[in-house]
Amino acid sequence: MRRTSEWLDILLNTVFIVMTAALVVLAVLSLIGGPTLRFAPYMAGACALYYLALAVKVFAEGGRHSFLKGSLLALLTLFLCGFAYLAYRCL
């Protein structure tokens, strides 16, 4: 299990780096054309992907409160996915 946890940490760090770069690029693109929410659904989707990876890591690690923490992260992921869908449909 230790090896799997280390692999998930590496995967999560990679996802974090990619999502941070994507959010920076989308934020700059939003500001270039004037303040706009055109890229908000994509930003929320990137955050949801990160929190989904974090929830999987917490569930896989186990521990005393891993089910509660993982469930709250999964709930946050669902909220962000719903926001991304709603923002995409409205824009």
PDB file of N, CA and C in Angstrom:
ATOM      1  N   MET A   1       0.819  -1.186   0.000  1.00  0.00           N
ATOM      2  CA  MET A   1       0.000   0.000   0.000  1.00  0.00           C
ATOM      3  C   MET A   1       0.866   1.255   0.000  1.00  0.00           C
ATOM      4  N   ARG A   2       2.028   1.162   0.591  1.00  0.00           N
ATOM      5  CA  ARG A   2       2.929   2.321   0.646  1.00  0.00           C
ATOM      6  C   ARG A   2       3.341   2.748  -0.754  1.00  0.00           C
ATOM      7  N   ARG A   3       3.612   1.789  -1.619  1.00  0.00           N
ATOM      8  CA  ARG A   3       4.037   2.084  -2.984  1.00  0.00           C
ATOM      9  C   ARG A   3       2.901   2.754  -3.765  1.00  0.00           C
ATOM     10  N   THR A   4       1.685   2.293  -3.561  1.00  0.00           N
ATOM     11  CA  THR A   4       0.528   2.883  -4.225  1.00  0.00           C
ATOM     12  C   THR A   4       0.317   4.317  -3.752  1.00  0.00           C
ATOM     13  N   SER A   5       0.510   4.552  -2.472  1.00  0.00           N
ATOM     14  CA  SER A   5       0.351   5.891  -1.924  1.00  0.00           C
ATOM     15  C   SER A   5       1.391   6.847  -2.519  1.00  0.00           C
ATOM     16  N   GLU A   6       2.609   6.389  -2.659  1.00  0.00           N
ATOM     17  CA  GLU A   6       3.646   7.232  -3.265  1.00  0.00           C
ATOM     18  C   GLU A   6       3.311   7.520  -4.730  1.00  0.00           C
ATOM     19  N   TRP A   7       2.817   6.510  -5.441  1.00  0.00           N
ATOM     20  CA  TRP A   7       2.447   6.698  -6.843  1.00  0.00           C
ATOM     21  C   TRP A   7       1.302   7.699  -6.967  1.00  0.00           C
ATOM     22  N   LEU A   8       0.328   7.617  -6.068  1.00  0.00           N
ATOM     23  CA  LEU A   8      -0.784   8.559  -6.086  1.00  0.00           C
ATOM     24  C   LEU A   8      -0.316   9.979  -5.743  1.00  0.00           C
ATOM     25  N   ASP A   9       0.654  10.100  -4.846  1.00  0.00           N
ATOM     26  CA  ASP A   9       1.210  11.427  -4.544  1.00  0.00           C
ATOM     27  C   ASP A   9       1.868  12.039  -5.774  1.00  0.00           C
ATOM     28  N   ILE A  10       2.627  11.240  -6.499  1.00  0.00           N
ATOM     29  CA  ILE A  10       3.280  11.731  -7.717  1.00  0.00           C
ATOM     30  C   ILE A  10       2.236  12.124  -8.749  1.00  0.00           C
ATOM     31  N   LEU A  11       1.210  11.297  -8.915  1.00  0.00           N
ATOM     32  CA  LEU A  11       0.140  11.593  -9.863  1.00  0.00           C
ATOM     33  C   LEU A  11      -0.605  12.867  -9.473  1.00  0.00           C
ATOM     34  N   LEU A  12      -0.893  13.008  -8.200  1.00  0.00           N
ATOM     35  CA  LEU A  12      -1.603  14.193  -7.717  1.00  0.00           C
ATOM     36  C   LEU A  12      -0.765  15.452  -7.907  1.00  0.00           C
ATOM     37  N   ASN A  13       0.517  15.376  -7.646  1.00  0.00           N
ATOM     38  CA  ASN A  13       1.390  16.530  -7.867  1.00  0.00           C
ATOM     39  C   ASN A  13       1.449  16.907  -9.336  1.00  0.00           C
ATOM     40  N   THR A  14       1.478  15.914 -10.205  1.00  0.00           N
ATOM     41  CA  THR A  14       1.482  16.179 -11.647  1.00  0.00           C
ATOM     42  C   THR A  14       0.183  16.836 -12.079  1.00  0.00           C
ATOM     43  N   VAL A  15      -0.932  16.312 -11.601  1.00  0.00           N
ATOM     44  CA  VAL A  15      -2.234  16.902 -11.929  1.00  0.00           C
ATOM     45  C   VAL A  15      -2.302  18.331 -11.403  1.00  0.00           C
ATOM     46  N   PHE A  16      -1.788  18.568 -10.203  1.00  0.00           N
ATOM     47  CA  PHE A  16      -1.795  19.910  -9.629  1.00  0.00           C
ATOM     48  C   PHE A  16      -0.991  20.879 -10.489  1.00  0.00           C
ATOM     49  N   ILE A  17       0.176  20.471 -10.941  1.00  0.00           N
ATOM     50  CA  ILE A  17       1.016  21.346 -11.766  1.00  0.00           C
ATOM     51  C   ILE A  17       0.328  21.664 -13.084  1.00  0.00           C
ATOM     52  N   VAL A  18      -0.246  20.655 -13.724  1.00  0.00           N
ATOM     53  CA  VAL A  18      -0.928  20.863 -15.004  1.00  0.00           C
ATOM     54  C   VAL A  18      -2.153  21.753 -14.828  1.00  0.00           C
ATOM     55  N   MET A  19      -2.940  21.514 -13.796  1.00  0.00           N
ATOM     56  CA  MET A  19      -4.141  22.310 -13.573  1.00  0.00           C
ATOM     57  C   MET A  19      -3.794  23.752 -13.202  1.00  0.00           C
ATOM     58  N   THR A  20      -2.735  23.948 -12.446  1.00  0.00           N
ATOM     59  CA  THR A  20      -2.320  25.307 -12.109  1.00  0.00           C
ATOM     60  C   THR A  20      -1.905  26.068 -13.363  1.00  0.00           C
ATOM     61  N   ALA A  21      -1.147  25.406 -14.216  1.00  0.00           N
ATOM     62  CA  ALA A  21      -0.742  26.047 -15.476  1.00  0.00           C
ATOM     63  C   ALA A  21      -1.963  26.359 -16.337  1.00  0.00           C
ATOM     64  N   ALA A  22      -2.908  25.437 -16.391  1.00  0.00           N
ATOM     65  CA  ALA A  22      -4.119  25.661 -17.181  1.00  0.00           C
ATOM     66  C   ALA A  22      -4.931  26.824 -16.618  1.00  0.00           C
ATOM     67  N   LEU A  23      -5.043  26.910 -15.302  1.00  0.00           N
ATOM     68  CA  LEU A  23      -5.790  28.014 -14.696  1.00  0.00           C
ATOM     69  C   LEU A  23      -5.116  29.359 -14.947  1.00  0.00           C
ATOM     70  N   VAL A  24      -3.807  29.381 -14.909  1.00  0.00           N
ATOM     71  CA  VAL A  24      -3.090  30.634 -15.179  1.00  0.00           C
ATOM     72  C   VAL A  24      -3.318  31.066 -16.624  1.00  0.00           C
ATOM     73  N   VAL A  25      -3.214  30.129 -17.554  1.00  0.00           N
ATOM     74  CA  VAL A  25      -3.435  30.455 -18.971  1.00  0.00           C
ATOM     75  C   VAL A  25      -4.867  30.941 -19.197  1.00  0.00           C
ATOM     76  N   LEU A  26      -5.839  30.257 -18.614  1.00  0.00           N
ATOM     77  CA  LEU A  26      -7.234  30.670 -18.791  1.00  0.00           C
ATOM     78  C   LEU A  26      -7.512  32.019 -18.132  1.00  0.00           C
ATOM     79  N   ALA A  27      -6.900  32.276 -16.994  1.00  0.00           N
ATOM     80  CA  ALA A  27      -7.089  33.576 -16.341  1.00  0.00           C
ATOM     81  C   ALA A  27      -6.495  34.697 -17.187  1.00  0.00           C
ATOM     82  N   VAL A  28      -5.329  34.460 -17.756  1.00  0.00           N
ATOM     83  CA  VAL A  28      -4.718  35.483 -18.615  1.00  0.00           C
ATOM     84  C   VAL A  28      -5.573  35.704 -19.853  1.00  0.00           C
ATOM     85  N   LEU A  29      -6.076  34.626 -20.446  1.00  0.00           N
ATOM     86  CA  LEU A  29      -6.946  34.769 -21.613  1.00  0.00           C
ATOM     87  C   LEU A  29      -8.224  35.528 -21.269  1.00  0.00           C
ATOM     88  N   SER A  30      -8.735  35.317 -20.078  1.00  0.00           N
ATOM     89  CA  SER A  30      -9.939  36.031 -19.652  1.00  0.00           C
ATOM     90  C   SER A  30      -9.672  37.526 -19.492  1.00  0.00           C
ATOM     91  N   LEU A  31      -8.486  37.875 -19.033  1.00  0.00           N
ATOM     92  CA  LEU A  31      -8.170  39.278 -18.799  1.00  0.00           C
ATOM     93  C   LEU A  31      -7.744  40.012 -20.067  1.00  0.00           C
ATOM     94  N   ILE A  32      -7.228  39.303 -21.043  1.00  0.00           N
ATOM     95  CA  ILE A  32      -6.772  39.960 -22.270  1.00  0.00           C
ATOM     96  C   ILE A  32      -7.936  40.611 -23.005  1.00  0.00           C
ATOM     97  N   GLY A  33      -9.039  39.922 -23.119  1.00  0.00           N
ATOM     98  CA  GLY A  33     -10.192  40.464 -23.825  1.00  0.00           C
ATOM     99  C   GLY A  33     -11.104  41.286 -22.936  1.00  0.00           C
ATOM    100  N   GLY A  34     -10.629  41.716 -21.810  1.00  0.00           N
ATOM    101  CA  GLY A  34     -11.474  42.416 -20.854  1.00  0.00           C
ATOM    102  C   GLY A  34     -12.016  41.406 -19.861  1.00  0.00           C
ATOM    103  N   PRO A  35     -12.419  41.838 -18.706  1.00  0.00           N
ATOM    104  CA  PRO A  35     -12.935  40.905 -17.707  1.00  0.00           C
ATOM    105  C   PRO A  35     -14.153  40.143 -18.250  1.00  0.00           C
ATOM    106  N   THR A  36     -14.024  38.859 -18.334  1.00  0.00           N
ATOM    107  CA  THR A  36     -15.101  38.026 -18.863  1.00  0.00           C
ATOM    108  C   THR A  36     -15.124  36.691 -18.131  1.00  0.00           C
ATOM    109  N   LEU A  37     -16.256  36.054 -18.146  1.00  0.00           N
ATOM    110  CA  LEU A  37     -16.392  34.732 -17.538  1.00  0.00           C
ATOM    111  C   LEU A  37     -16.468  33.632 -18.601  1.00  0.00           C
ATOM    112  N   ARG A  38     -15.947  33.913 -19.773  1.00  0.00           N
ATOM    113  CA  ARG A  38     -16.031  32.958 -20.866  1.00  0.00           C
ATOM    114  C   ARG A  38     -15.308  31.647 -20.543  1.00  0.00           C
ATOM    115  N   PHE A  39     -14.226  31.707 -19.768  1.00  0.00           N
ATOM    116  CA  PHE A  39     -13.457  30.511 -19.457  1.00  0.00           C
ATOM    117  C   PHE A  39     -13.759  29.950 -18.067  1.00  0.00           C
ATOM    118  N   ALA A  40     -14.745  30.481 -17.381  1.00  0.00           N
ATOM    119  CA  ALA A  40     -15.091  30.021 -16.033  1.00  0.00           C
ATOM    120  C   ALA A  40     -15.461  28.541 -15.981  1.00  0.00           C
ATOM    121  N   PRO A  41     -16.228  28.006 -16.946  1.00  0.00           N
ATOM    122  CA  PRO A  41     -16.536  26.568 -16.872  1.00  0.00           C
ATOM    123  C   PRO A  41     -15.289  25.693 -16.970  1.00  0.00           C
ATOM    124  N   TYR A  42     -14.332  26.120 -17.773  1.00  0.00           N
ATOM    125  CA  TYR A  42     -13.111  25.333 -17.927  1.00  0.00           C
ATOM    126  C   TYR A  42     -12.251  25.408 -16.671  1.00  0.00           C
ATOM    127  N   MET A  43     -12.252  26.570 -16.024  1.00  0.00           N
ATOM    128  CA  MET A  43     -11.518  26.716 -14.768  1.00  0.00           C
ATOM    129  C   MET A  43     -12.137  25.836 -13.676  1.00  0.00           C
ATOM    130  N   ALA A  44     -13.452  25.829 -13.607  1.00  0.00           N
ATOM    131  CA  ALA A  44     -14.130  24.988 -12.615  1.00  0.00           C
ATOM    132  C   ALA A  44     -13.903  23.514 -12.911  1.00  0.00           C
ATOM    133  N   GLY A  45     -13.867  23.155 -14.182  1.00  0.00           N
ATOM    134  CA  GLY A  45     -13.593  21.767 -14.563  1.00  0.00           C
ATOM    135  C   GLY A  45     -12.184  21.347 -14.184  1.00  0.00           C
ATOM    136  N   ALA A  46     -11.230  22.245 -14.340  1.00  0.00           N
ATOM    137  CA  ALA A  46      -9.851  21.936 -13.952  1.00  0.00           C
ATOM    138  C   ALA A  46      -9.747  21.733 -12.441  1.00  0.00           C
ATOM    139  N   CYS A  47     -10.420  22.581 -11.686  1.00  0.00           N
ATOM    140  CA  CYS A  47     -10.428  22.424 -10.225  1.00  0.00           C
ATOM    141  C   CYS A  47     -11.124  21.122  -9.823  1.00  0.00           C
ATOM    142  N   ALA A  48     -12.199  20.783 -10.498  1.00  0.00           N
ATOM    143  CA  ALA A  48     -12.910  19.543 -10.195  1.00  0.00           C
ATOM    144  C   ALA A  48     -12.032  18.329 -10.458  1.00  0.00           C
ATOM    145  N   LEU A  49     -11.254  18.359 -11.513  1.00  0.00           N
ATOM    146  CA  LEU A  49     -10.353  17.248 -11.815  1.00  0.00           C
ATOM    147  C   LEU A  49      -9.307  17.093 -10.719  1.00  0.00           C
ATOM    148  N   TYR A  50      -8.785  18.199 -10.233  1.00  0.00           N
ATOM    149  CA  TYR A  50      -7.810  18.138  -9.155  1.00  0.00           C
ATOM    150  C   TYR A  50      -8.434  17.563  -7.879  1.00  0.00           C
ATOM    151  N   TYR A  51      -9.601  18.042  -7.506  1.00  0.00           N
ATOM    152  CA  TYR A  51     -10.229  17.549  -6.284  1.00  0.00           C
ATOM    153  C   TYR A  51     -10.669  16.095  -6.419  1.00  0.00           C
ATOM    154  N   LEU A  52     -10.996  15.670  -7.614  1.00  0.00           N
ATOM    155  CA  LEU A  52     -11.313  14.259  -7.828  1.00  0.00           C
ATOM    156  C   LEU A  52     -10.078  13.395  -7.586  1.00  0.00           C
ATOM    157  N   ALA A  53      -8.932  13.824  -8.114  1.00  0.00           N
ATOM    158  CA  ALA A  53      -7.693  13.082  -7.882  1.00  0.00           C
ATOM    159  C   ALA A  53      -7.333  13.069  -6.399  1.00  0.00           C
ATOM    160  N   LEU A  54      -7.556  14.173  -5.706  1.00  0.00           N
ATOM    161  CA  LEU A  54      -7.282  14.241  -4.274  1.00  0.00           C
ATOM    162  C   LEU A  54      -8.218  13.324  -3.491  1.00  0.00           C
ATOM    163  N   ALA A  55      -9.479  13.252  -3.885  1.00  0.00           N
ATOM    164  CA  ALA A  55     -10.429  12.366  -3.213  1.00  0.00           C
ATOM    165  C   ALA A  55     -10.032  10.902  -3.391  1.00  0.00           C
ATOM    166  N   VAL A  56      -9.604  10.539  -4.577  1.00  0.00           N
ATOM    167  CA  VAL A  56      -9.160   9.160  -4.819  1.00  0.00           C
ATOM    168  C   VAL A  56      -7.947   8.846  -3.959  1.00  0.00           C
ATOM    169  N   LYS A  57      -7.032   9.785  -3.837  1.00  0.00           N
ATOM    170  CA  LYS A  57      -5.841   9.584  -3.009  1.00  0.00           C
ATOM    171  C   LYS A  57      -6.223   9.392  -1.549  1.00  0.00           C
ATOM    172  N   VAL A  58      -7.139  10.205  -1.049  1.00  0.00           N
ATOM    173  CA  VAL A  58      -7.557  10.098   0.356  1.00  0.00           C
ATOM    174  C   VAL A  58      -8.263   8.767   0.602  1.00  0.00           C
ATOM    175  N   PHE A  59      -9.128   8.347  -0.329  1.00  0.00           N
ATOM    176  CA  PHE A  59      -9.800   7.056  -0.180  1.00  0.00           C
ATOM    177  C   PHE A  59      -8.790   5.917  -0.200  1.00  0.00           C
ATOM    178  N   ALA A  60      -7.791   5.996  -1.054  1.00  0.00           N
ATOM    179  CA  ALA A  60      -6.814   4.909  -1.195  1.00  0.00           C
ATOM    180  C   ALA A  60      -5.871   4.826  -0.001  1.00  0.00           C
ATOM    181  N   GLU A  61      -5.560   5.950   0.632  1.00  0.00           N
ATOM    182  CA  GLU A  61      -4.646   5.936   1.768  1.00  0.00           C
ATOM    183  C   GLU A  61      -5.251   5.257   2.985  1.00  0.00           C
ATOM    184  N   GLY A  62      -6.543   5.365   3.121  1.00  0.00           N
ATOM    185  CA  GLY A  62      -7.171   4.814   4.313  1.00  0.00           C
ATOM    186  C   GLY A  62      -6.898   5.722   5.497  1.00  0.00           C
ATOM    187  N   GLY A  63      -7.112   5.219   6.660  1.00  0.00           N
ATOM    188  CA  GLY A  63      -6.867   6.027   7.846  1.00  0.00           C
ATOM    189  C   GLY A  63      -8.139   6.200   8.645  1.00  0.00           C
ATOM    190  N   ARG A  64      -8.013   6.968   9.694  1.00  0.00           N
ATOM    191  CA  ARG A  64      -9.108   7.090  10.643  1.00  0.00           C
ATOM    192  C   ARG A  64     -10.320   7.804  10.062  1.00  0.00           C
ATOM    193  N   HIS A  65     -10.132   8.931   9.422  1.00  0.00           N
ATOM    194  CA  HIS A  65     -11.245   9.718   8.896  1.00  0.00           C
ATOM    195  C   HIS A  65     -11.198   9.817   7.371  1.00  0.00           C
ATOM    196  N   SER A  66     -10.617   8.834   6.718  1.00  0.00           N
ATOM    197  CA  SER A  66     -10.447   8.936   5.265  1.00  0.00           C
ATOM    198  C   SER A  66     -11.783   8.904   4.529  1.00  0.00           C
ATOM    199  N   PHE A  67     -12.758   8.156   5.042  1.00  0.00           N
ATOM    200  CA  PHE A  67     -14.053   8.102   4.366  1.00  0.00           C
ATOM    201  C   PHE A  67     -14.746   9.460   4.409  1.00  0.00           C
ATOM    202  N   LEU A  68     -14.697  10.124   5.555  1.00  0.00           N
ATOM    203  CA  LEU A  68     -15.323  11.449   5.685  1.00  0.00           C
ATOM    204  C   LEU A  68     -14.611  12.481   4.809  1.00  0.00           C
ATOM    205  N   LYS A  69     -13.286  12.504   4.875  1.00  0.00           N
ATOM    206  CA  LYS A  69     -12.528  13.459   4.069  1.00  0.00           C
ATOM    207  C   LYS A  69     -12.723  13.201   2.583  1.00  0.00           C
ATOM    208  N   GLY A  70     -12.659  11.931   2.186  1.00  0.00           N
ATOM    209  CA  GLY A  70     -12.856  11.591   0.785  1.00  0.00           C
ATOM    210  C   GLY A  70     -14.258  11.921   0.302  1.00  0.00           C
ATOM    211  N   SER A  71     -15.246  11.690   1.155  1.00  0.00           N
ATOM    212  CA  SER A  71     -16.623  12.008   0.783  1.00  0.00           C
ATOM    213  C   SER A  71     -16.833  13.512   0.628  1.00  0.00           C
ATOM    214  N   LEU A  72     -16.235  14.296   1.513  1.00  0.00           N
ATOM    215  CA  LEU A  72     -16.350  15.747   1.394  1.00  0.00           C
ATOM    216  C   LEU A  72     -15.643  16.262   0.140  1.00  0.00           C
ATOM    217  N   LEU A  73     -14.504  15.684  -0.184  1.00  0.00           N
ATOM    218  CA  LEU A  73     -13.819  16.072  -1.413  1.00  0.00           C
ATOM    219  C   LEU A  73     -14.612  15.652  -2.647  1.00  0.00           C
ATOM    220  N   ALA A  74     -15.236  14.478  -2.589  1.00  0.00           N
ATOM    221  CA  ALA A  74     -16.076  14.040  -3.707  1.00  0.00           C
ATOM    222  C   ALA A  74     -17.299  14.944  -3.849  1.00  0.00           C
ATOM    223  N   LEU A  75     -17.852  15.388  -2.732  1.00  0.00           N
ATOM    224  CA  LEU A  75     -18.982  16.315  -2.766  1.00  0.00           C
ATOM    225  C   LEU A  75     -18.564  17.659  -3.364  1.00  0.00           C
ATOM    226  N   LEU A  76     -17.382  18.134  -3.014  1.00  0.00           N
ATOM    227  CA  LEU A  76     -16.858  19.360  -3.604  1.00  0.00           C
ATOM    228  C   LEU A  76     -16.643  19.186  -5.108  1.00  0.00           C
ATOM    229  N   THR A  77     -16.178  18.014  -5.498  1.00  0.00           N
ATOM    230  CA  THR A  77     -16.001  17.723  -6.924  1.00  0.00           C
ATOM    231  C   THR A  77     -17.327  17.766  -7.661  1.00  0.00           C
ATOM    232  N   LEU A  78     -18.352  17.174  -7.082  1.00  0.00           N
ATOM    233  CA  LEU A  78     -19.677  17.200  -7.708  1.00  0.00           C
ATOM    234  C   LEU A  78     -20.217  18.628  -7.806  1.00  0.00           C
ATOM    235  N   PHE A  79     -19.994  19.426  -6.772  1.00  0.00           N
ATOM    236  CA  PHE A  79     -20.426  20.825  -6.797  1.00  0.00           C
ATOM    237  C   PHE A  79     -19.722  21.578  -7.921  1.00  0.00           C
ATOM    238  N   LEU A  80     -18.414  21.388  -8.050  1.00  0.00           N
ATOM    239  CA  LEU A  80     -17.672  22.070  -9.105  1.00  0.00           C
ATOM    240  C   LEU A  80     -18.100  21.595 -10.490  1.00  0.00           C
ATOM    241  N   CYS A  81     -18.376  20.314 -10.627  1.00  0.00           N
ATOM    242  CA  CYS A  81     -18.859  19.797 -11.922  1.00  0.00           C
ATOM    243  C   CYS A  81     -20.220  20.400 -12.261  1.00  0.00           C
ATOM    244  N   GLY A  82     -21.092  20.494 -11.270  1.00  0.00           N
ATOM    245  CA  GLY A  82     -22.394  21.120 -11.494  1.00  0.00           C
ATOM    246  C   GLY A  82     -22.268  22.579 -11.869  1.00  0.00           C
ATOM    247  N   PHE A  83     -21.369  23.298 -11.201  1.00  0.00           N
ATOM    248  CA  PHE A  83     -21.146  24.690 -11.541  1.00  0.00           C
ATOM    249  C   PHE A  83     -20.579  24.831 -12.948  1.00  0.00           C
ATOM    250  N   ALA A  84     -19.639  23.971 -13.294  1.00  0.00           N
ATOM    251  CA  ALA A  84     -19.043  24.025 -14.638  1.00  0.00           C
ATOM    252  C   ALA A  84     -20.106  23.760 -15.707  1.00  0.00           C
ATOM    253  N   TYR A  85     -20.973  22.786 -15.456  1.00  0.00           N
ATOM    254  CA  TYR A  85     -22.028  22.477 -16.420  1.00  0.00           C
ATOM    255  C   TYR A  85     -23.010  23.641 -16.549  1.00  0.00           C
ATOM    256  N   LEU A  86     -23.419  24.189 -15.407  1.00  0.00           N
ATOM    257  CA  LEU A  86     -24.359  25.303 -15.410  1.00  0.00           C
ATOM    258  C   LEU A  86     -23.759  26.532 -16.084  1.00  0.00           C
ATOM    259  N   ALA A  87     -22.511  26.831 -15.795  1.00  0.00           N
ATOM    260  CA  ALA A  87     -21.853  27.979 -16.410  1.00  0.00           C
ATOM    261  C   ALA A  87     -21.670  27.761 -17.902  1.00  0.00           C
ATOM    262  N   TYR A  88     -21.372  26.540 -18.308  1.00  0.00           N
ATOM    263  CA  TYR A  88     -21.188  26.234 -19.732  1.00  0.00           C
ATOM    264  C   TYR A  88     -22.501  26.395 -20.482  1.00  0.00           C
ATOM    265  N   ARG A  89     -23.591  25.956 -19.874  1.00  0.00           N
ATOM    266  CA  ARG A  89     -24.895  26.042 -20.536  1.00  0.00           C
ATOM    267  C   ARG A  89     -25.398  27.486 -20.595  1.00  0.00           C
ATOM    268  N   CYS A  90     -25.036  28.311 -19.622  1.00  0.00           N
ATOM    269  CA  CYS A  90     -25.506  29.693 -19.578  1.00  0.00           C
ATOM    270  C   CYS A  90     -24.692  30.635 -20.475  1.00  0.00           C
ATOM    271  N   LEU A  91     -23.446  30.292 -20.735  1.00  0.00           N
ATOM    272  CA  LEU A  91     -22.584  31.192 -21.508  1.00  0.00           C
ATOM    273  C   LEU A  91     -22.673  30.921 -22.967  1.00  0.00           C
TER     274      LEU A  91
END
